[in-house]
């Protein structure tokens, strides 16, 4: 099954088979999850290793979360690539 390459409008608006408000809610939920995980890492490292270690750990958690949930999916979508082991129809 061939897929059309993504157009600029489709990249900007996201998937066409769903509610735009649900799409936005999913993004807001991911943003809040990332902030919560970052906050937990900061609190734990603050209690165990100090402020400097807490800020470094929080920055690392935030960076990893951003790469995993923003950068990688956007790169795969704009280049019409798929993760290894996944069929194009999944």
PDB file of N, CA and C in Angstrom:
ATOM      1  N   UNK A   1       0.844  -1.165   0.000  1.00  0.00           N
ATOM      2  CA  UNK A   1       0.000   0.000   0.000  1.00  0.00           C
ATOM      3  C   UNK A   1       0.892   1.231   0.000  1.00  0.00           C
ATOM      4  N   UNK A   2       0.797   2.036  -1.054  1.00  0.00           N
ATOM      5  CA  UNK A   2       1.608   3.245  -1.158  1.00  0.00           C
ATOM      6  C   UNK A   2       0.929   4.398  -0.450  1.00  0.00           C
ATOM      7  N   UNK A   3       1.739   5.218   0.171  1.00  0.00           N
ATOM      8  CA  UNK A   3       1.245   6.418   0.842  1.00  0.00           C
ATOM      9  C   UNK A   3       1.764   7.631   0.102  1.00  0.00           C
ATOM     10  N   UNK A   4       0.945   8.656   0.021  1.00  0.00           N
ATOM     11  CA  UNK A   4       1.381   9.902  -0.582  1.00  0.00           C
ATOM     12  C   UNK A   4       2.391  10.566   0.338  1.00  0.00           C
ATOM     13  N   UNK A   5       3.382  11.260  -0.226  1.00  0.00           N
ATOM     14  CA  UNK A   5       4.303  11.988   0.639  1.00  0.00           C
ATOM     15  C   UNK A   5       3.560  13.090   1.377  1.00  0.00           C
ATOM     16  N   UNK A   6       4.001  13.409   2.571  1.00  0.00           N
ATOM     17  CA  UNK A   6       3.292  14.432   3.345  1.00  0.00           C
ATOM     18  C   UNK A   6       3.393  15.799   2.687  1.00  0.00           C
ATOM     19  N   UNK A   7       2.300  16.518   2.666  1.00  0.00           N
ATOM     20  CA  UNK A   7       2.300  17.874   2.141  1.00  0.00           C
ATOM     21  C   UNK A   7       2.486  18.846   3.294  1.00  0.00           C
ATOM     22  N   UNK A   8       2.792  20.079   2.966  1.00  0.00           N
ATOM     23  CA  UNK A   8       3.018  21.077   4.016  1.00  0.00           C
ATOM     24  C   UNK A   8       1.767  21.278   4.860  1.00  0.00           C
ATOM     25  N   UNK A   9       0.589  21.260   4.221  1.00  0.00           N
ATOM     26  CA  UNK A   9      -0.631  21.469   5.002  1.00  0.00           C
ATOM     27  C   UNK A   9      -0.919  20.284   5.906  1.00  0.00           C
ATOM     28  N   UNK A  10      -0.643  19.065   5.434  1.00  0.00           N
ATOM     29  CA  UNK A  10      -0.895  17.894   6.269  1.00  0.00           C
ATOM     30  C   UNK A  10       0.096  17.829   7.426  1.00  0.00           C
ATOM     31  N   UNK A  11       1.332  18.239   7.199  1.00  0.00           N
ATOM     32  CA  UNK A  11       2.318  18.266   8.279  1.00  0.00           C
ATOM     33  C   UNK A  11       1.898  19.290   9.326  1.00  0.00           C
ATOM     34  N   UNK A  12       1.414  20.434   8.883  1.00  0.00           N
ATOM     35  CA  UNK A  12       1.050  21.497   9.813  1.00  0.00           C
ATOM     36  C   UNK A  12      -0.209  21.164  10.604  1.00  0.00           C
ATOM     37  N   UNK A  13      -1.151  20.460   9.999  1.00  0.00           N
ATOM     38  CA  UNK A  13      -2.420  20.206  10.670  1.00  0.00           C
ATOM     39  C   UNK A  13      -2.487  18.857  11.346  1.00  0.00           C
ATOM     40  N   UNK A  14      -1.540  17.983  11.097  1.00  0.00           N
ATOM     41  CA  UNK A  14      -1.554  16.662  11.720  1.00  0.00           C
ATOM     42  C   UNK A  14      -2.406  15.689  10.922  1.00  0.00           C
ATOM     43  N   UNK A  15      -2.767  14.565  11.522  1.00  0.00           N
ATOM     44  CA  UNK A  15      -3.519  13.552  10.799  1.00  0.00           C
ATOM     45  C   UNK A  15      -4.907  14.055  10.423  1.00  0.00           C
ATOM     46  N   UNK A  16      -5.382  13.584   9.272  1.00  0.00           N
ATOM     47  CA  UNK A  16      -6.675  14.059   8.789  1.00  0.00           C
ATOM     48  C   UNK A  16      -7.834  13.206   9.284  1.00  0.00           C
ATOM     49  N   UNK A  17      -7.575  12.097   9.932  1.00  0.00           N
ATOM     50  CA  UNK A  17      -8.648  11.198  10.341  1.00  0.00           C
ATOM     51  C   UNK A  17      -8.886  11.279  11.849  1.00  0.00           C
ATOM     52  N   UNK A  18      -9.311  12.399  12.310  1.00  0.00           N
ATOM     53  CA  UNK A  18      -9.588  12.530  13.731  1.00  0.00           C
ATOM     54  C   UNK A  18      -9.992  13.940  14.066  1.00  0.00           C
ATOM     55  N   UNK A  19     -10.403  14.095  15.280  1.00  0.00           N
ATOM     56  CA  UNK A  19     -10.842  15.398  15.740  1.00  0.00           C
ATOM     57  C   UNK A  19      -9.637  16.281  16.034  1.00  0.00           C
ATOM     58  N   UNK A  20      -9.619  17.506  15.492  1.00  0.00           N
ATOM     59  CA  UNK A  20      -8.500  18.407  15.801  1.00  0.00           C
ATOM     60  C   UNK A  20      -8.398  18.710  17.296  1.00  0.00           C
ATOM     61  N   UNK A  21      -9.528  18.775  17.989  1.00  0.00           N
ATOM     62  CA  UNK A  21      -9.467  19.055  19.419  1.00  0.00           C
ATOM     63  C   UNK A  21      -8.885  17.872  20.186  1.00  0.00           C
ATOM     64  N   UNK A  22      -9.170  16.660  19.745  1.00  0.00           N
ATOM     65  CA  UNK A  22      -8.574  15.482  20.387  1.00  0.00           C
ATOM     66  C   UNK A  22      -7.068  15.457  20.159  1.00  0.00           C
ATOM     67  N   UNK A  23      -6.662  15.879  18.984  1.00  0.00           N
ATOM     68  CA  UNK A  23      -5.238  15.936  18.657  1.00  0.00           C
ATOM     69  C   UNK A  23      -4.539  16.944  19.573  1.00  0.00           C
ATOM     70  N   UNK A  24      -5.166  18.092  19.759  1.00  0.00           N
ATOM     71  CA  UNK A  24      -4.597  19.113  20.648  1.00  0.00           C
ATOM     72  C   UNK A  24      -4.562  18.634  22.087  1.00  0.00           C
ATOM     73  N   UNK A  25      -5.611  17.961  22.517  1.00  0.00           N
ATOM     74  CA  UNK A  25      -5.658  17.441  23.894  1.00  0.00           C
ATOM     75  C   UNK A  25      -4.549  16.415  24.123  1.00  0.00           C
ATOM     76  N   UNK A  26      -4.274  15.602  23.123  1.00  0.00           N
ATOM     77  CA  UNK A  26      -3.188  14.621  23.245  1.00  0.00           C
ATOM     78  C   UNK A  26      -1.847  15.336  23.410  1.00  0.00           C
ATOM     79  N   UNK A  27      -1.632  16.400  22.643  1.00  0.00           N
ATOM     80  CA  UNK A  27      -0.388  17.154  22.773  1.00  0.00           C
ATOM     81  C   UNK A  27      -0.278  17.822  24.141  1.00  0.00           C
ATOM     82  N   UNK A  28      -1.369  18.378  24.632  1.00  0.00           N
ATOM     83  CA  UNK A  28      -1.360  18.999  25.959  1.00  0.00           C
ATOM     84  C   UNK A  28      -1.073  17.946  27.025  1.00  0.00           C
ATOM     85  N   UNK A  29      -1.674  16.768  26.885  1.00  0.00           N
ATOM     86  CA  UNK A  29      -1.419  15.682  27.830  1.00  0.00           C
ATOM     87  C   UNK A  29       0.040  15.254  27.828  1.00  0.00           C
ATOM     88  N   UNK A  30       0.649  15.161  26.649  1.00  0.00           N
ATOM     89  CA  UNK A  30       2.068  14.812  26.573  1.00  0.00           C
ATOM     90  C   UNK A  30       2.940  15.907  27.183  1.00  0.00           C
ATOM     91  N   UNK A  31       2.572  17.153  26.957  1.00  0.00           N
ATOM     92  CA  UNK A  31       3.321  18.258  27.558  1.00  0.00           C
ATOM     93  C   UNK A  31       3.262  18.192  29.078  1.00  0.00           C
ATOM     94  N   UNK A  32       2.081  17.968  29.617  1.00  0.00           N
ATOM     95  CA  UNK A  32       1.938  17.876  31.076  1.00  0.00           C
ATOM     96  C   UNK A  32       2.672  16.661  31.639  1.00  0.00           C
ATOM     97  N   UNK A  33       2.655  15.550  30.912  1.00  0.00           N
ATOM     98  CA  UNK A  33       3.395  14.364  31.350  1.00  0.00           C
ATOM     99  C   UNK A  33       4.888  14.655  31.396  1.00  0.00           C
ATOM    100  N   UNK A  34       5.405  15.320  30.366  1.00  0.00           N
ATOM    101  CA  UNK A  34       6.824  15.677  30.347  1.00  0.00           C
ATOM    102  C   UNK A  34       7.198  16.597  31.495  1.00  0.00           C
ATOM    103  N   UNK A  35       6.341  17.579  31.774  1.00  0.00           N
ATOM    104  CA  UNK A  35       6.611  18.482  32.897  1.00  0.00           C
ATOM    105  C   UNK A  35       6.547  17.744  34.229  1.00  0.00           C
ATOM    106  N   UNK A  36       5.603  16.827  34.376  1.00  0.00           N
ATOM    107  CA  UNK A  36       5.499  16.063  35.619  1.00  0.00           C
ATOM    108  C   UNK A  36       6.727  15.178  35.829  1.00  0.00           C
ATOM    109  N   UNK A  37       7.162  14.495  34.768  1.00  0.00           N
ATOM    110  CA  UNK A  37       8.349  13.641  34.892  1.00  0.00           C
ATOM    111  C   UNK A  37       9.595  14.466  35.198  1.00  0.00           C
ATOM    112  N   UNK A  38       9.704  15.617  34.574  1.00  0.00           N
ATOM    113  CA  UNK A  38      10.831  16.507  34.849  1.00  0.00           C
ATOM    114  C   UNK A  38      10.807  16.981  36.300  1.00  0.00           C
ATOM    115  N   UNK A  39       9.632  17.360  36.785  1.00  0.00           N
ATOM    116  CA  UNK A  39       9.494  17.802  38.171  1.00  0.00           C
ATOM    117  C   UNK A  39       9.835  16.719  39.172  1.00  0.00           C
ATOM    118  N   UNK A  40       9.400  15.503  38.894  1.00  0.00           N
ATOM    119  CA  UNK A  40       9.709  14.387  39.797  1.00  0.00           C
ATOM    120  C   UNK A  40      11.213  14.137  39.837  1.00  0.00           C
ATOM    121  N   UNK A  41      11.861  14.173  38.676  1.00  0.00           N
ATOM    122  CA  UNK A  41      13.314  13.971  38.647  1.00  0.00           C
ATOM    123  C   UNK A  41      14.021  15.069  39.439  1.00  0.00           C
ATOM    124  N   UNK A  42      13.561  16.303  39.294  1.00  0.00           N
ATOM    125  CA  UNK A  42      14.179  17.411  40.029  1.00  0.00           C
ATOM    126  C   UNK A  42      13.987  17.235  41.539  1.00  0.00           C
ATOM    127  N   UNK A  43      12.799  16.885  41.966  1.00  0.00           N
ATOM    128  CA  UNK A  43      12.526  16.708  43.399  1.00  0.00           C
ATOM    129  C   UNK A  43      13.377  15.592  43.985  1.00  0.00           C
ATOM    130  N   UNK A  44      13.440  14.465  43.288  1.00  0.00           N
ATOM    131  CA  UNK A  44      14.212  13.324  43.804  1.00  0.00           C
ATOM    132  C   UNK A  44      15.700  13.661  43.867  1.00  0.00           C
ATOM    133  N   UNK A  45      16.240  14.233  42.781  1.00  0.00           N
ATOM    134  CA  UNK A  45      17.665  14.549  42.782  1.00  0.00           C
ATOM    135  C   UNK A  45      17.995  15.671  43.759  1.00  0.00           C
ATOM    136  N   UNK A  46      17.065  16.589  43.970  1.00  0.00           N
ATOM    137  CA  UNK A  46      17.283  17.655  44.962  1.00  0.00           C
ATOM    138  C   UNK A  46      17.434  17.056  46.354  1.00  0.00           C
ATOM    139  N   UNK A  47      16.581  16.083  46.680  1.00  0.00           N
ATOM    140  CA  UNK A  47      16.628  15.471  48.010  1.00  0.00           C
ATOM    141  C   UNK A  47      17.865  14.602  48.193  1.00  0.00           C
ATOM    142  N   UNK A  48      18.332  13.978  47.132  1.00  0.00           N
ATOM    143  CA  UNK A  48      19.425  13.014  47.249  1.00  0.00           C
ATOM    144  C   UNK A  48      20.791  13.640  46.979  1.00  0.00           C
ATOM    145  N   UNK A  49      20.899  14.485  45.941  1.00  0.00           N
ATOM    146  CA  UNK A  49      22.225  14.912  45.498  1.00  0.00           C
ATOM    147  C   UNK A  49      22.440  16.415  45.472  1.00  0.00           C
ATOM    148  N   UNK A  50      21.430  17.212  45.717  1.00  0.00           N
ATOM    149  CA  UNK A  50      21.623  18.660  45.732  1.00  0.00           C
ATOM    150  C   UNK A  50      21.009  19.358  44.528  1.00  0.00           C
ATOM    151  N   UNK A  51      21.057  20.691  44.595  1.00  0.00           N
ATOM    152  CA  UNK A  51      20.388  21.510  43.584  1.00  0.00           C
ATOM    153  C   UNK A  51      21.023  21.390  42.206  1.00  0.00           C
ATOM    154  N   UNK A  52      22.329  21.428  42.138  1.00  0.00           N
ATOM    155  CA  UNK A  52      23.001  21.358  40.832  1.00  0.00           C
ATOM    156  C   UNK A  52      22.674  20.045  40.120  1.00  0.00           C
ATOM    157  N   UNK A  53      22.778  18.939  40.838  1.00  0.00           N
ATOM    158  CA  UNK A  53      22.462  17.634  40.250  1.00  0.00           C
ATOM    159  C   UNK A  53      20.990  17.561  39.850  1.00  0.00           C
ATOM    160  N   UNK A  54      20.114  18.187  40.645  1.00  0.00           N
ATOM    161  CA  UNK A  54      18.687  18.174  40.336  1.00  0.00           C
ATOM    162  C   UNK A  54      18.405  18.916  39.039  1.00  0.00           C
ATOM    163  N   UNK A  55      19.033  20.064  38.853  1.00  0.00           N
ATOM    164  CA  UNK A  55      18.809  20.829  37.627  1.00  0.00           C
ATOM    165  C   UNK A  55      19.379  20.117  36.408  1.00  0.00           C
ATOM    166  N   UNK A  56      20.520  19.484  36.560  1.00  0.00           N
ATOM    167  CA  UNK A  56      21.102  18.705  35.457  1.00  0.00           C
ATOM    168  C   UNK A  56      20.209  17.520  35.113  1.00  0.00           C
ATOM    169  N   UNK A  57      19.753  16.794  36.129  1.00  0.00           N
ATOM    170  CA  UNK A  57      18.879  15.646  35.888  1.00  0.00           C
ATOM    171  C   UNK A  57      17.558  16.078  35.259  1.00  0.00           C
ATOM    172  N   UNK A  58      16.996  17.178  35.738  1.00  0.00           N
ATOM    173  CA  UNK A  58      15.755  17.681  35.157  1.00  0.00           C
ATOM    174  C   UNK A  58      15.930  18.076  33.703  1.00  0.00           C
ATOM    175  N   UNK A  59      17.040  18.723  33.400  1.00  0.00           N
ATOM    176  CA  UNK A  59      17.323  19.081  32.012  1.00  0.00           C
ATOM    177  C   UNK A  59      17.489  17.872  31.119  1.00  0.00           C
ATOM    178  N   UNK A  60      18.163  16.837  31.643  1.00  0.00           N
ATOM    179  CA  UNK A  60      18.337  15.604  30.870  1.00  0.00           C
ATOM    180  C   UNK A  60      17.004  14.908  30.626  1.00  0.00           C
ATOM    181  N   UNK A  61      16.170  14.826  31.650  1.00  0.00           N
ATOM    182  CA  UNK A  61      14.849  14.195  31.495  1.00  0.00           C
ATOM    183  C   UNK A  61      14.012  14.962  30.481  1.00  0.00           C
ATOM    184  N   UNK A  62      14.021  16.277  30.581  1.00  0.00           N
ATOM    185  CA  UNK A  62      13.248  17.099  29.658  1.00  0.00           C
ATOM    186  C   UNK A  62      13.761  16.938  28.227  1.00  0.00           C
ATOM    187  N   UNK A  63      15.084  16.906  28.048  1.00  0.00           N
ATOM    188  CA  UNK A  63      15.660  16.739  26.717  1.00  0.00           C
ATOM    189  C   UNK A  63      15.319  15.372  26.132  1.00  0.00           C
ATOM    190  N   UNK A  64      15.442  14.312  26.927  1.00  0.00           N
ATOM    191  CA  UNK A  64      15.106  12.972  26.442  1.00  0.00           C
ATOM    192  C   UNK A  64      13.629  12.865  26.092  1.00  0.00           C
ATOM    193  N   UNK A  65      12.784  13.448  26.913  1.00  0.00           N
ATOM    194  CA  UNK A  65      11.343  13.418  26.641  1.00  0.00           C
ATOM    195  C   UNK A  65      11.039  14.171  25.343  1.00  0.00           C
ATOM    196  N   UNK A  66      11.662  15.321  25.158  1.00  0.00           N
ATOM    197  CA  UNK A  66      11.425  16.107  23.941  1.00  0.00           C
ATOM    198  C   UNK A  66      11.888  15.356  22.700  1.00  0.00           C
ATOM    199  N   UNK A  67      13.032  14.705  22.781  1.00  0.00           N
ATOM    200  CA  UNK A  67      13.524  13.945  21.627  1.00  0.00           C
ATOM    201  C   UNK A  67      12.595  12.773  21.327  1.00  0.00           C
ATOM    202  N   UNK A  68      12.189  12.045  22.362  1.00  0.00           N
ATOM    203  CA  UNK A  68      11.373  10.848  22.155  1.00  0.00           C
ATOM    204  C   UNK A  68       9.955  11.166  21.685  1.00  0.00           C
ATOM    205  N   UNK A  69       9.376  12.284  22.141  1.00  0.00           N
ATOM    206  CA  UNK A  69       7.968  12.551  21.858  1.00  0.00           C
ATOM    207  C   UNK A  69       7.715  13.709  20.913  1.00  0.00           C
ATOM    208  N   UNK A  70       8.760  14.467  20.556  1.00  0.00           N
ATOM    209  CA  UNK A  70       8.561  15.592  19.636  1.00  0.00           C
ATOM    210  C   UNK A  70       9.468  15.455  18.421  1.00  0.00           C
ATOM    211  N   UNK A  71      10.770  15.409  18.647  1.00  0.00           N
ATOM    212  CA  UNK A  71      11.729  15.441  17.547  1.00  0.00           C
ATOM    213  C   UNK A  71      11.647  14.176  16.690  1.00  0.00           C
ATOM    214  N   UNK A  72      11.710  13.012  17.296  1.00  0.00           N
ATOM    215  CA  UNK A  72      11.687  11.760  16.538  1.00  0.00           C
ATOM    216  C   UNK A  72      10.382  11.573  15.751  1.00  0.00           C
ATOM    217  N   UNK A  73       9.202  11.727  16.360  1.00  0.00           N
ATOM    218  CA  UNK A  73       7.977  11.581  15.566  1.00  0.00           C
ATOM    219  C   UNK A  73       7.869  12.599  14.431  1.00  0.00           C
ATOM    220  N   UNK A  74       8.275  13.846  14.674  1.00  0.00           N
ATOM    221  CA  UNK A  74       8.210  14.851  13.617  1.00  0.00           C
ATOM    222  C   UNK A  74       9.159  14.490  12.482  1.00  0.00           C
ATOM    223  N   UNK A  75      10.356  14.027  12.818  1.00  0.00           N
ATOM    224  CA  UNK A  75      11.323  13.642  11.790  1.00  0.00           C
ATOM    225  C   UNK A  75      10.812  12.460  10.979  1.00  0.00           C
ATOM    226  N   UNK A  76      10.227  11.468  11.644  1.00  0.00           N
ATOM    227  CA  UNK A  76       9.691  10.314  10.928  1.00  0.00           C
ATOM    228  C   UNK A  76       8.521  10.717  10.036  1.00  0.00           C
ATOM    229  N   UNK A  77       7.673  11.617  10.527  1.00  0.00           N
ATOM    230  CA  UNK A  77       6.496  12.019   9.759  1.00  0.00           C
ATOM    231  C   UNK A  77       6.884  12.861   8.547  1.00  0.00           C
ATOM    232  N   UNK A  78       7.817  13.788   8.702  1.00  0.00           N
ATOM    233  CA  UNK A  78       8.172  14.662   7.587  1.00  0.00           C
ATOM    234  C   UNK A  78       8.994  13.939   6.526  1.00  0.00           C
ATOM    235  N   UNK A  79       9.684  12.893   6.904  1.00  0.00           N
ATOM    236  CA  UNK A  79      10.474  12.137   5.930  1.00  0.00           C
ATOM    237  C   UNK A  79       9.751  10.888   5.441  1.00  0.00           C
ATOM    238  N   UNK A  80       8.536  10.674   5.919  1.00  0.00           N
ATOM    239  CA  UNK A  80       7.714   9.523   5.552  1.00  0.00           C
ATOM    240  C   UNK A  80       8.458   8.214   5.829  1.00  0.00           C
ATOM    241  N   UNK A  81       9.130   8.154   6.980  1.00  0.00           N
ATOM    242  CA  UNK A  81       9.881   6.972   7.398  1.00  0.00           C
ATOM    243  C   UNK A  81       9.080   6.206   8.434  1.00  0.00           C
ATOM    244  N   UNK A  82       9.493   4.976   8.691  1.00  0.00           N
ATOM    245  CA  UNK A  82       8.847   4.139   9.692  1.00  0.00           C
ATOM    246  C   UNK A  82       9.926   3.534  10.575  1.00  0.00           C
ATOM    247  N   UNK A  83       9.575   3.274  11.820  1.00  0.00           N
ATOM    248  CA  UNK A  83      10.517   2.620  12.720  1.00  0.00           C
ATOM    249  C   UNK A  83      10.765   1.200  12.259  1.00  0.00           C
ATOM    250  N   UNK A  84      11.956   0.652  12.502  1.00  0.00           N
ATOM    251  CA  UNK A  84      12.254  -0.727  12.089  1.00  0.00           C
ATOM    252  C   UNK A  84      11.271  -1.710  12.732  1.00  0.00           C
ATOM    253  N   UNK A  85      10.874  -2.710  11.964  1.00  0.00           N
ATOM    254  CA  UNK A  85       9.975  -3.736  12.472  1.00  0.00           C
ATOM    255  C   UNK A  85       8.507  -3.398  12.366  1.00  0.00           C
ATOM    256  N   UNK A  86       8.172  -2.230  11.864  1.00  0.00           N
ATOM    257  CA  UNK A  86       6.760  -1.821  11.724  1.00  0.00           C
ATOM    258  C   UNK A  86       6.387  -1.831  10.257  1.00  0.00           C
ATOM    259  N   UNK A  87       5.199  -2.298   9.980  1.00  0.00           N
ATOM    260  CA  UNK A  87       4.684  -2.281   8.620  1.00  0.00           C
ATOM    261  C   UNK A  87       4.158  -0.885   8.314  1.00  0.00           C
ATOM    262  N   UNK A  88       4.098  -0.513   7.047  1.00  0.00           N
ATOM    263  CA  UNK A  88       3.662   0.830   6.673  1.00  0.00           C
ATOM    264  C   UNK A  88       2.186   1.059   6.979  1.00  0.00           C
ATOM    265  N   UNK A  89       1.382   0.015   7.110  1.00  0.00           N
ATOM    266  CA  UNK A  89      -0.032   0.180   7.380  1.00  0.00           C
ATOM    267  C   UNK A  89      -0.383   0.263   8.839  1.00  0.00           C
ATOM    268  N   UNK A  90       0.587   0.119   9.734  1.00  0.00           N
ATOM    269  CA  UNK A  90       0.290   0.132  11.174  1.00  0.00           C
ATOM    270  C   UNK A  90       0.130   1.529  11.696  1.00  0.00           C
TER     271      UNK A  90
END
